[in-house]
Structure formats: C-alpha cells, structure tokens
PDB file of N, CA and C in Angstrom:
ATOM      1  N   UNK A   1      23.870  47.801  69.674  1.00  0.00           N
ATOM      2  CA  UNK A   1      24.929  48.327  70.686  1.00  0.00           C
ATOM      3  C   UNK A   1      25.377  48.363  72.052  1.00  0.00           C
ATOM      4  N   UNK A   2      23.435  47.564  72.400  1.00  0.00           N
ATOM      5  CA  UNK A   2      23.767  46.773  73.744  1.00  0.00           C
ATOM      6  C   UNK A   2      24.090  45.349  73.444  1.00  0.00           C
ATOM      7  N   UNK A   3      23.827  44.815  72.006  1.00  0.00           N
ATOM      8  CA  UNK A   3      23.934  43.334  71.883  1.00  0.00           C
ATOM      9  C   UNK A   3      25.908  43.239  72.519  1.00  0.00           C
ATOM     10  N   UNK A   4      26.254  44.556  71.587  1.00  0.00           N
ATOM     11  CA  UNK A   4      27.761  44.084  71.773  1.00  0.00           C
ATOM     12  C   UNK A   4      28.108  44.424  73.299  1.00  0.00           C
ATOM     13  N   UNK A   5      27.521  45.306  74.078  1.00  0.00           N
ATOM     14  CA  UNK A   5      28.019  45.498  75.341  1.00  0.00           C
ATOM     15  C   UNK A   5      27.927  44.049  75.880  1.00  0.00           C
ATOM     16  N   UNK A   6      26.307  43.730  75.794  1.00  0.00           N
ATOM     17  CA  UNK A   6      26.458  42.457  76.927  1.00  0.00           C
ATOM     18  C   UNK A   6      27.490  41.254  76.098  1.00  0.00           C
ATOM     19  N   UNK A   7      27.686  41.111  74.600  1.00  0.00           N
ATOM     20  CA  UNK A   7      28.714  40.551  74.711  1.00  0.00           C
ATOM     21  C   UNK A   7      30.285  40.347  74.791  1.00  0.00           C
ATOM     22  N   UNK A   8      30.919  41.513  74.814  1.00  0.00           N
ATOM     23  CA  UNK A   8      31.745  41.867  75.751  1.00  0.00           C
ATOM     24  C   UNK A   8      31.459  41.807  77.072  1.00  0.00           C
ATOM     25  N   UNK A   9      30.720  42.045  77.936  1.00  0.00           N
ATOM     26  CA  UNK A   9      30.473  41.400  79.459  1.00  0.00           C
ATOM     27  C   UNK A   9      30.383  40.527  79.418  1.00  0.00           C
ATOM     28  N   UNK A  10      29.996  39.412  78.657  1.00  0.00           N
ATOM     29  CA  UNK A  10      29.971  37.975  78.944  1.00  0.00           C
ATOM     30  C   UNK A  10      30.782  37.060  78.204  1.00  0.00           C
ATOM     31  N   UNK A  11      31.541  38.154  78.098  1.00  0.00           N
ATOM     32  CA  UNK A  11      33.164  37.314  76.948  1.00  0.00           C
ATOM     33  C   UNK A  11      33.055  36.930  75.659  1.00  0.00           C
ATOM     34  N   UNK A  12      30.820  37.142  75.475  1.00  0.00           N
ATOM     35  CA  UNK A  12      30.759  36.799  73.904  1.00  0.00           C
ATOM     36  C   UNK A  12      32.007  37.489  72.788  1.00  0.00           C
ATOM     37  N   UNK A  13      31.086  37.537  71.453  1.00  0.00           N
ATOM     38  CA  UNK A  13      31.236  38.230  70.376  1.00  0.00           C
ATOM     39  C   UNK A  13      32.844  38.294  70.054  1.00  0.00           C
ATOM     40  N   UNK A  14      33.317  38.826  69.204  1.00  0.00           N
ATOM     41  CA  UNK A  14      34.903  38.757  69.051  1.00  0.00           C
ATOM     42  C   UNK A  14      36.028  38.793  70.188  1.00  0.00           C
ATOM     43  N   UNK A  15      35.703  39.062  70.934  1.00  0.00           N
ATOM     44  CA  UNK A  15      37.031  39.022  71.960  1.00  0.00           C
ATOM     45  C   UNK A  15      37.450  38.306  72.264  1.00  0.00           C
ATOM     46  N   UNK A  16      37.200  36.557  72.209  1.00  0.00           N
ATOM     47  CA  UNK A  16      37.703  35.615  72.638  1.00  0.00           C
ATOM     48  C   UNK A  16      38.094  35.250  71.452  1.00  0.00           C
ATOM     49  N   UNK A  17      39.125  34.100  71.249  1.00  0.00           N
ATOM     50  CA  UNK A  17      39.486  33.101  70.329  1.00  0.00           C
ATOM     51  C   UNK A  17      39.447  32.093  70.814  1.00  0.00           C
ATOM     52  N   UNK A  18      37.935  31.017  70.698  1.00  0.00           N
ATOM     53  CA  UNK A  18      38.624  29.590  71.320  1.00  0.00           C
ATOM     54  C   UNK A  18      39.737  28.807  71.186  1.00  0.00           C
ATOM     55  N   UNK A  19      39.395  27.959  71.556  1.00  0.00           N
ATOM     56  CA  UNK A  19      40.313  26.870  71.870  1.00  0.00           C
ATOM     57  C   UNK A  19      40.540  26.506  70.253  1.00  0.00           C
ATOM     58  N   UNK A  20      41.795  26.141  69.949  1.00  0.00           N
ATOM     59  CA  UNK A  20      42.093  25.521  68.123  1.00  0.00           C
ATOM     60  C   UNK A  20      42.970  24.349  68.798  1.00  0.00           C
ATOM     61  N   UNK A  21      42.126  23.121  68.273  1.00  0.00           N
ATOM     62  CA  UNK A  21      42.560  21.946  68.308  1.00  0.00           C
ATOM     63  C   UNK A  21      44.073  21.759  67.612  1.00  0.00           C
ATOM     64  N   UNK A  22      44.397  22.419  66.508  1.00  0.00           N
ATOM     65  CA  UNK A  22      45.418  22.058  65.878  1.00  0.00           C
ATOM     66  C   UNK A  22      46.698  22.737  66.462  1.00  0.00           C
ATOM     67  N   UNK A  23      46.506  23.766  67.566  1.00  0.00           N
ATOM     68  CA  UNK A  23      47.576  24.465  68.675  1.00  0.00           C
ATOM     69  C   UNK A  23      47.529  23.479  69.871  1.00  0.00           C
ATOM     70  N   UNK A  24      46.488  22.755  70.377  1.00  0.00           N
ATOM     71  CA  UNK A  24      46.825  21.400  71.252  1.00  0.00           C
ATOM     72  C   UNK A  24      48.065  21.143  71.810  1.00  0.00           C
ATOM     73  N   UNK A  25      48.522  20.716  72.766  1.00  0.00           N
ATOM     74  CA  UNK A  25      49.843  20.253  72.846  1.00  0.00           C
ATOM     75  C   UNK A  25      49.675  19.202  73.858  1.00  0.00           C
ATOM     76  N   UNK A  26      50.263  18.241  73.877  1.00  0.00           N
ATOM     77  CA  UNK A  26      50.512  17.279  74.846  1.00  0.00           C
ATOM     78  C   UNK A  26      51.906  17.364  75.468  1.00  0.00           C
ATOM     79  N   UNK A  27      51.983  17.926  76.888  1.00  0.00           N
ATOM     80  CA  UNK A  27      52.855  17.825  77.714  1.00  0.00           C
ATOM     81  C   UNK A  27      52.600  17.210  79.134  1.00  0.00           C
ATOM     82  N   UNK A  28      53.598  15.954  79.350  1.00  0.00           N
ATOM     83  CA  UNK A  28      53.761  15.049  80.247  1.00  0.00           C
ATOM     84  C   UNK A  28      52.222  14.265  80.278  1.00  0.00           C
ATOM     85  N   UNK A  29      51.581  14.542  81.169  1.00  0.00           N
ATOM     86  CA  UNK A  29      50.101  14.252  81.041  1.00  0.00           C
ATOM     87  C   UNK A  29      49.039  14.522  81.071  1.00  0.00           C
ATOM     88  N   UNK A  30      49.219  15.908  80.553  1.00  0.00           N
ATOM     89  CA  UNK A  30      48.523  17.452  80.385  1.00  0.00           C
ATOM     90  C   UNK A  30      48.495  17.383  79.044  1.00  0.00           C
ATOM     91  N   UNK A  31      46.824  17.887  78.697  1.00  0.00           N
ATOM     92  CA  UNK A  31      46.612  18.367  77.326  1.00  0.00           C
ATOM     93  C   UNK A  31      46.981  20.030  77.729  1.00  0.00           C
ATOM     94  N   UNK A  32      47.245  20.720  77.133  1.00  0.00           N
ATOM     95  CA  UNK A  32      47.351  22.004  76.906  1.00  0.00           C
ATOM     96  C   UNK A  32      46.666  22.727  76.022  1.00  0.00           C
ATOM     97  N   UNK A  33      45.473  24.002  76.430  1.00  0.00           N
ATOM     98  CA  UNK A  33      44.623  24.230  74.844  1.00  0.00           C
ATOM     99  C   UNK A  33      44.909  25.856  74.749  1.00  0.00           C
ATOM    100  N   UNK A  34      45.708  26.176  74.426  1.00  0.00           N
ATOM    101  CA  UNK A  34      46.068  27.940  73.922  1.00  0.00           C
ATOM    102  C   UNK A  34      44.781  28.370  73.367  1.00  0.00           C
ATOM    103  N   UNK A  35      44.346  29.455  74.109  1.00  0.00           N
ATOM    104  CA  UNK A  35      43.394  30.459  73.559  1.00  0.00           C
ATOM    105  C   UNK A  35      42.907  31.593  74.167  1.00  0.00           C
ATOM    106  N   UNK A  36      43.813  32.577  73.171  1.00  0.00           N
ATOM    107  CA  UNK A  36      43.962  33.710  73.507  1.00  0.00           C
ATOM    108  C   UNK A  36      42.873  34.982  73.173  1.00  0.00           C
ATOM    109  N   UNK A  37      42.915  35.807  73.864  1.00  0.00           N
ATOM    110  CA  UNK A  37      42.143  36.200  73.901  1.00  0.00           C
ATOM    111  C   UNK A  37      42.421  37.792  72.838  1.00  0.00           C
ATOM    112  N   UNK A  38      41.663  38.301  72.288  1.00  0.00           N
ATOM    113  CA  UNK A  38      42.171  39.466  71.494  1.00  0.00           C
ATOM    114  C   UNK A  38      41.633  40.743  72.763  1.00  0.00           C
ATOM    115  N   UNK A  39      42.587  42.139  72.435  1.00  0.00           N
ATOM    116  CA  UNK A  39      42.382  42.711  73.286  1.00  0.00           C
ATOM    117  C   UNK A  39      42.756  43.921  72.525  1.00  0.00           C
ATOM    118  N   UNK A  40      42.699  45.332  73.316  1.00  0.00           N
ATOM    119  CA  UNK A  40      43.100  46.512  72.260  1.00  0.00           C
ATOM    120  C   UNK A  40      44.632  46.801  72.063  1.00  0.00           C
ATOM    121  N   UNK A  41      45.409  45.965  73.342  1.00  0.00           N
ATOM    122  CA  UNK A  41      46.765  46.270  73.220  1.00  0.00           C
ATOM    123  C   UNK A  41      47.233  44.838  73.009  1.00  0.00           C
ATOM    124  N   UNK A  42      46.744  44.191  72.399  1.00  0.00           N
ATOM    125  CA  UNK A  42      47.185  42.751  71.217  1.00  0.00           C
ATOM    126  C   UNK A  42      46.312  41.336  71.295  1.00  0.00           C
ATOM    127  N   UNK A  43      47.191  40.776  72.294  1.00  0.00           N
ATOM    128  CA  UNK A  43      46.789  39.335  72.217  1.00  0.00           C
ATOM    129  C   UNK A  43      46.745  38.821  73.967  1.00  0.00           C
ATOM    130  N   UNK A  44      45.871  38.642  74.614  1.00  0.00           N
ATOM    131  CA  UNK A  44      46.039  38.080  76.387  1.00  0.00           C
ATOM    132  C   UNK A  44      46.613  36.687  75.947  1.00  0.00           C
ATOM    133  N   UNK A  45      47.442  36.530  76.721  1.00  0.00           N
ATOM    134  CA  UNK A  45      47.729  34.740  76.664  1.00  0.00           C
ATOM    135  C   UNK A  45      47.072  34.169  78.117  1.00  0.00           C
ATOM    136  N   UNK A  46      46.338  33.298  77.148  1.00  0.00           N
ATOM    137  CA  UNK A  46      45.336  32.454  78.144  1.00  0.00           C
ATOM    138  C   UNK A  46      45.395  31.118  77.833  1.00  0.00           C
ATOM    139  N   UNK A  47      44.645  30.185  78.455  1.00  0.00           N
ATOM    140  CA  UNK A  47      44.291  28.836  78.222  1.00  0.00           C
ATOM    141  C   UNK A  47      43.571  28.190  79.074  1.00  0.00           C
ATOM    142  N   UNK A  48      43.504  26.325  78.966  1.00  0.00           N
ATOM    143  CA  UNK A  48      43.345  25.699  79.530  1.00  0.00           C
ATOM    144  C   UNK A  48      43.690  24.350  79.543  1.00  0.00           C
ATOM    145  N   UNK A  49      44.657  23.878  81.185  1.00  0.00           N
ATOM    146  CA  UNK A  49      45.334  22.694  80.777  1.00  0.00           C
ATOM    147  C   UNK A  49      44.147  21.507  81.841  1.00  0.00           C
ATOM    148  N   UNK A  50      44.340  20.607  80.973  1.00  0.00           N
ATOM    149  CA  UNK A  50      43.507  19.395  81.100  1.00  0.00           C
ATOM    150  C   UNK A  50      44.341  18.142  81.005  1.00  0.00           C
ATOM    151  N   UNK A  51      43.502  17.734  82.367  1.00  0.00           N
ATOM    152  CA  UNK A  51      44.214  15.827  82.645  1.00  0.00           C
ATOM    153  C   UNK A  51      42.737  14.971  82.421  1.00  0.00           C
ATOM    154  N   UNK A  52      42.975  14.256  81.752  1.00  0.00           N
ATOM    155  CA  UNK A  52      41.908  13.194  81.821  1.00  0.00           C
ATOM    156  C   UNK A  52      42.834  11.663  82.464  1.00  0.00           C
ATOM    157  N   UNK A  53      41.781  10.976  83.380  1.00  0.00           N
ATOM    158  CA  UNK A  53      42.366   9.723  83.920  1.00  0.00           C
ATOM    159  C   UNK A  53      41.001   9.202  84.125  1.00  0.00           C
ATOM    160  N   UNK A  54      41.518   7.904  82.753  1.00  0.00           N
ATOM    161  CA  UNK A  54      39.794   7.477  83.033  1.00  0.00           C
ATOM    162  C   UNK A  54      38.738   7.779  82.197  1.00  0.00           C
ATOM    163  N   UNK A  55      37.558   7.657  82.979  1.00  0.00           N
ATOM    164  CA  UNK A  55      36.292   8.627  82.820  1.00  0.00           C
ATOM    165  C   UNK A  55      36.365  10.085  83.304  1.00  0.00           C
ATOM    166  N   UNK A  56      37.509  10.274  83.967  1.00  0.00           N
ATOM    167  CA  UNK A  56      37.686  11.105  84.904  1.00  0.00           C
ATOM    168  C   UNK A  56      38.547  12.199  83.830  1.00  0.00           C
ATOM    169  N   UNK A  57      37.529  13.665  83.720  1.00  0.00           N
ATOM    170  CA  UNK A  57      38.320  14.717  83.236  1.00  0.00           C
ATOM    171  C   UNK A  57      38.545  16.204  83.915  1.00  0.00           C
ATOM    172  N   UNK A  58      39.237  16.673  84.020  1.00  0.00           N
ATOM    173  CA  UNK A  58      40.130  17.806  84.961  1.00  0.00           C
ATOM    174  C   UNK A  58      40.651  19.468  84.334  1.00  0.00           C
ATOM    175  N   UNK A  59      39.736  20.416  84.431  1.00  0.00           N
ATOM    176  CA  UNK A  59      40.435  21.167  83.737  1.00  0.00           C
ATOM    177  C   UNK A  59      41.080  22.440  84.593  1.00  0.00           C
ATOM    178  N   UNK A  60      41.788  22.714  84.632  1.00  0.00           N
ATOM    179  CA  UNK A  60      42.612  24.358  85.101  1.00  0.00           C
ATOM    180  C   UNK A  60      42.596  25.495  84.200  1.00  0.00           C
ATOM    181  N   UNK A  61      41.988  26.514  84.191  1.00  0.00           N
ATOM    182  CA  UNK A  61      41.256  27.553  82.682  1.00  0.00           C
ATOM    183  C   UNK A  61      42.609  28.446  83.232  1.00  0.00           C
ATOM    184  N   UNK A  62      43.772  29.393  83.131  1.00  0.00           N
ATOM    185  CA  UNK A  62      44.882  30.170  83.394  1.00  0.00           C
ATOM    186  C   UNK A  62      44.301  31.669  82.404  1.00  0.00           C
ATOM    187  N   UNK A  63      44.812  32.071  82.848  1.00  0.00           N
ATOM    188  CA  UNK A  63      44.866  33.915  82.525  1.00  0.00           C
ATOM    189  C   UNK A  63      45.839  34.573  83.033  1.00  0.00           C
ATOM    190  N   UNK A  64      46.460  35.197  81.876  1.00  0.00           N
ATOM    191  CA  UNK A  64      47.882  35.539  82.139  1.00  0.00           C
ATOM    192  C   UNK A  64      47.604  37.258  82.099  1.00  0.00           C
ATOM    193  N   UNK A  65      48.632  37.979  83.070  1.00  0.00           N
ATOM    194  CA  UNK A  65      48.406  39.325  82.776  1.00  0.00           C
ATOM    195  C   UNK A  65      49.864  39.485  81.247  1.00  0.00           C
ATOM    196  N   UNK A  66      49.899  38.726  80.319  1.00  0.00           N
ATOM    197  CA  UNK A  66      51.020  38.739  79.647  1.00  0.00           C
ATOM    198  C   UNK A  66      50.120  39.265  78.377  1.00  0.00           C
ATOM    199  N   UNK A  67      50.745  39.809  77.575  1.00  0.00           N
ATOM    200  CA  UNK A  67      49.902  40.449  76.218  1.00  0.00           C
ATOM    201  C   UNK A  67      50.971  40.295  74.828  1.00  0.00           C
ATOM    202  N   UNK A  68      50.378  39.598  73.725  1.00  0.00           N
ATOM    203  CA  UNK A  68      51.386  39.584  72.964  1.00  0.00           C
ATOM    204  C   UNK A  68      50.843  40.294  71.455  1.00  0.00           C
ATOM    205  N   UNK A  69      51.728  40.984  70.447  1.00  0.00           N
ATOM    206  CA  UNK A  69      51.004  41.625  69.221  1.00  0.00           C
ATOM    207  C   UNK A  69      50.236  40.639  68.358  1.00  0.00           C
ATOM    208  N   UNK A  70      50.672  39.558  68.246  1.00  0.00           N
ATOM    209  CA  UNK A  70      50.154  38.614  67.318  1.00  0.00           C
ATOM    210  C   UNK A  70      49.804  37.343  68.092  1.00  0.00           C
ATOM    211  N   UNK A  71      48.335  36.542  67.566  1.00  0.00           N
ATOM    212  CA  UNK A  71      48.028  35.610  67.805  1.00  0.00           C
ATOM    213  C   UNK A  71      49.259  34.692  68.225  1.00  0.00           C
ATOM    214  N   UNK A  72      49.948  34.257  66.765  1.00  0.00           N
ATOM    215  CA  UNK A  72      50.518  33.183  67.100  1.00  0.00           C
ATOM    216  C   UNK A  72      51.964  33.153  68.014  1.00  0.00           C
ATOM    217  N   UNK A  73      52.387  34.820  68.353  1.00  0.00           N
ATOM    218  CA  UNK A  73      53.609  34.743  69.310  1.00  0.00           C
ATOM    219  C   UNK A  73      52.660  34.546  70.743  1.00  0.00           C
ATOM    220  N   UNK A  74      51.323  34.585  71.111  1.00  0.00           N
ATOM    221  CA  UNK A  74      50.324  34.766  72.539  1.00  0.00           C
ATOM    222  C   UNK A  74      50.174  33.098  72.708  1.00  0.00           C
ATOM    223  N   UNK A  75      49.787  32.254  71.367  1.00  0.00           N
ATOM    224  CA  UNK A  75      49.825  31.019  71.403  1.00  0.00           C
ATOM    225  C   UNK A  75      50.859  30.301  72.229  1.00  0.00           C
ATOM    226  N   UNK A  76      52.150  30.595  71.331  1.00  0.00           N
ATOM    227  CA  UNK A  76      53.426  30.187  71.775  1.00  0.00           C
ATOM    228  C   UNK A  76      53.611  30.959  73.458  1.00  0.00           C
ATOM    229  N   UNK A  77      53.281  31.535  73.661  1.00  0.00           N
ATOM    230  CA  UNK A  77      53.664  31.991  75.174  1.00  0.00           C
ATOM    231  C   UNK A  77      52.786  31.028  76.270  1.00  0.00           C
ATOM    232  N   UNK A  78      51.282  31.211  75.663  1.00  0.00           N
ATOM    233  CA  UNK A  78      50.532  30.247  76.454  1.00  0.00           C
ATOM    234  C   UNK A  78      50.761  28.900  76.723  1.00  0.00           C
ATOM    235  N   UNK A  79      51.727  28.076  76.037  1.00  0.00           N
ATOM    236  CA  UNK A  79      52.083  26.824  75.825  1.00  0.00           C
ATOM    237  C   UNK A  79      53.457  26.808  76.955  1.00  0.00           C
ATOM    238  N   UNK A  80      54.351  28.013  76.759  1.00  0.00           N
ATOM    239  CA  UNK A  80      55.185  27.958  77.571  1.00  0.00           C
ATOM    240  C   UNK A  80      54.641  28.604  79.216  1.00  0.00           C
ATOM    241  N   UNK A  81      53.793  29.085  79.089  1.00  0.00           N
ATOM    242  CA  UNK A  81      53.342  29.415  80.527  1.00  0.00           C
ATOM    243  C   UNK A  81      52.705  28.203  81.110  1.00  0.00           C
ATOM    244  N   UNK A  82      52.126  27.286  80.358  1.00  0.00           N
ATOM    245  CA  UNK A  82      51.000  26.734  80.736  1.00  0.00           C
ATOM    246  C   UNK A  82      52.174  25.070  81.192  1.00  0.00           C
ATOM    247  N   UNK A  83      53.172  24.819  80.580  1.00  0.00           N
ATOM    248  CA  UNK A  83      54.163  24.168  80.460  1.00  0.00           C
ATOM    249  C   UNK A  83      55.192  24.381  82.289  1.00  0.00           C
ATOM    250  N   UNK A  84      55.651  25.856  82.077  1.00  0.00           N
ATOM    251  CA  UNK A  84      55.791  26.271  83.615  1.00  0.00           C
ATOM    252  C   UNK A  84      54.731  25.380  84.964  1.00  0.00           C
ATOM    253  N   UNK A  85      53.613  26.045  84.522  1.00  0.00           N
ATOM    254  CA  UNK A  85      52.508  25.708  85.980  1.00  0.00           C
ATOM    255  C   UNK A  85      52.375  24.137  86.313  1.00  0.00           C
ATOM    256  N   UNK A  86      52.291  23.140  84.790  1.00  0.00           N
ATOM    257  CA  UNK A  86      52.382  22.129  84.825  1.00  0.00           C
ATOM    258  C   UNK A  86      53.561  21.332  85.917  1.00  0.00           C
ATOM    259  N   UNK A  87      54.857  22.235  85.688  1.00  0.00           N
ATOM    260  CA  UNK A  87      56.249  21.828  86.454  1.00  0.00           C
ATOM    261  C   UNK A  87      56.224  22.241  87.346  1.00  0.00           C
ATOM    262  N   UNK A  88      55.868  23.371  87.976  1.00  0.00           N
ATOM    263  CA  UNK A  88      55.690  23.757  89.419  1.00  0.00           C
ATOM    264  C   UNK A  88      54.533  23.446  90.242  1.00  0.00           C
ATOM    265  N   UNK A  89      53.467  22.916  89.726  1.00  0.00           N
ATOM    266  CA  UNK A  89      52.165  22.518  90.043  1.00  0.00           C
ATOM    267  C   UNK A  89      51.698  20.969  90.091  1.00  0.00           C
ATOM    268  N   UNK A  90      52.134  20.533  88.862  1.00  0.00           N
ATOM    269  CA  UNK A  90      51.488  19.048  88.602  1.00  0.00           C
ATOM    270  C   UNK A  90      50.241  18.773  88.645  1.00  0.00           C
ATOM    271  N   UNK A  91      49.714  18.088  89.027  1.00  0.00           N
ATOM    272  CA  UNK A  91      48.247  17.992  89.522  1.00  0.00           C
ATOM    273  C   UNK A  91      47.578  18.509  91.067  1.00  0.00           C
ATOM    274  N   UNK A  92      48.630  19.273  91.778  1.00  0.00           N
ATOM    275  CA  UNK A  92      48.007  20.522  92.820  1.00  0.00           C
ATOM    276  C   UNK A  92      47.282  21.208  91.619  1.00  0.00           C
ATOM    277  N   UNK A  93      47.070  21.870  90.194  1.00  0.00           N
ATOM    278  CA  UNK A  93      46.810  22.787  89.387  1.00  0.00           C
ATOM    279  C   UNK A  93      45.101  22.903  89.815  1.00  0.00           C
ATOM    280  N   UNK A  94      44.785  21.516  90.081  1.00  0.00           N
ATOM    281  CA  UNK A  94      43.303  20.999  89.957  1.00  0.00           C
ATOM    282  C   UNK A  94      42.780  20.809  91.270  1.00  0.00           C
ATOM    283  N   UNK A  95      43.592  21.500  92.546  1.00  0.00           N
ATOM    284  CA  UNK A  95      42.804  21.387  93.836  1.00  0.00           C
ATOM    285  C   UNK A  95      42.240  22.791  94.098  1.00  0.00           C
TER     286      UNK A  95
END
C-alpha cells in the first residue's frame, strides 16, 4: 500500500505510459513523442517535443488538461497539440 502511494506520488507505477517509439512523429525539424498518462477519467494528453542539432538535443515536456477516453485518441490529440505548439513557438519552446 505504501509502495503504491510512493509510486503514484513520484509518477511511477502504472499511472504513466512511457513514450512509444512506434508513435513518434517527425514534424518540421522536431520529433514529437506522445506519452499519454492513464488517469481515472481517461488518458491525459502529454508528451515531449525534441529537437536535435549536431550533438545538442533539446526537449520540451508538455502536459495538457485535455483527456481522452482511449489511448489512441490521446496519442492523436497529443500529436495535434504538439504541432500547434511548434507552429506557434518554434525554437522558443526551449527558452
């Protein structure tokens, strides 16, 4: 019981689905890595936007208030929201 609490508190356990390389999407010069989190009301939209240039790799993790009923919908919405972030902010995501 204490282990479950500690796992949930620190983001471990079965709460978060890790990034799935099969769903990774390249958009412009960015890589979008969806990682929806399982919650009581569905799947939370979240992921990482990565940009690599040479030996430098920069990441921006984002978590949205949006939730979907199934994981596949959450992955699709994560990609759509990430593309929107890239279009709006571009490299400024990493500032």
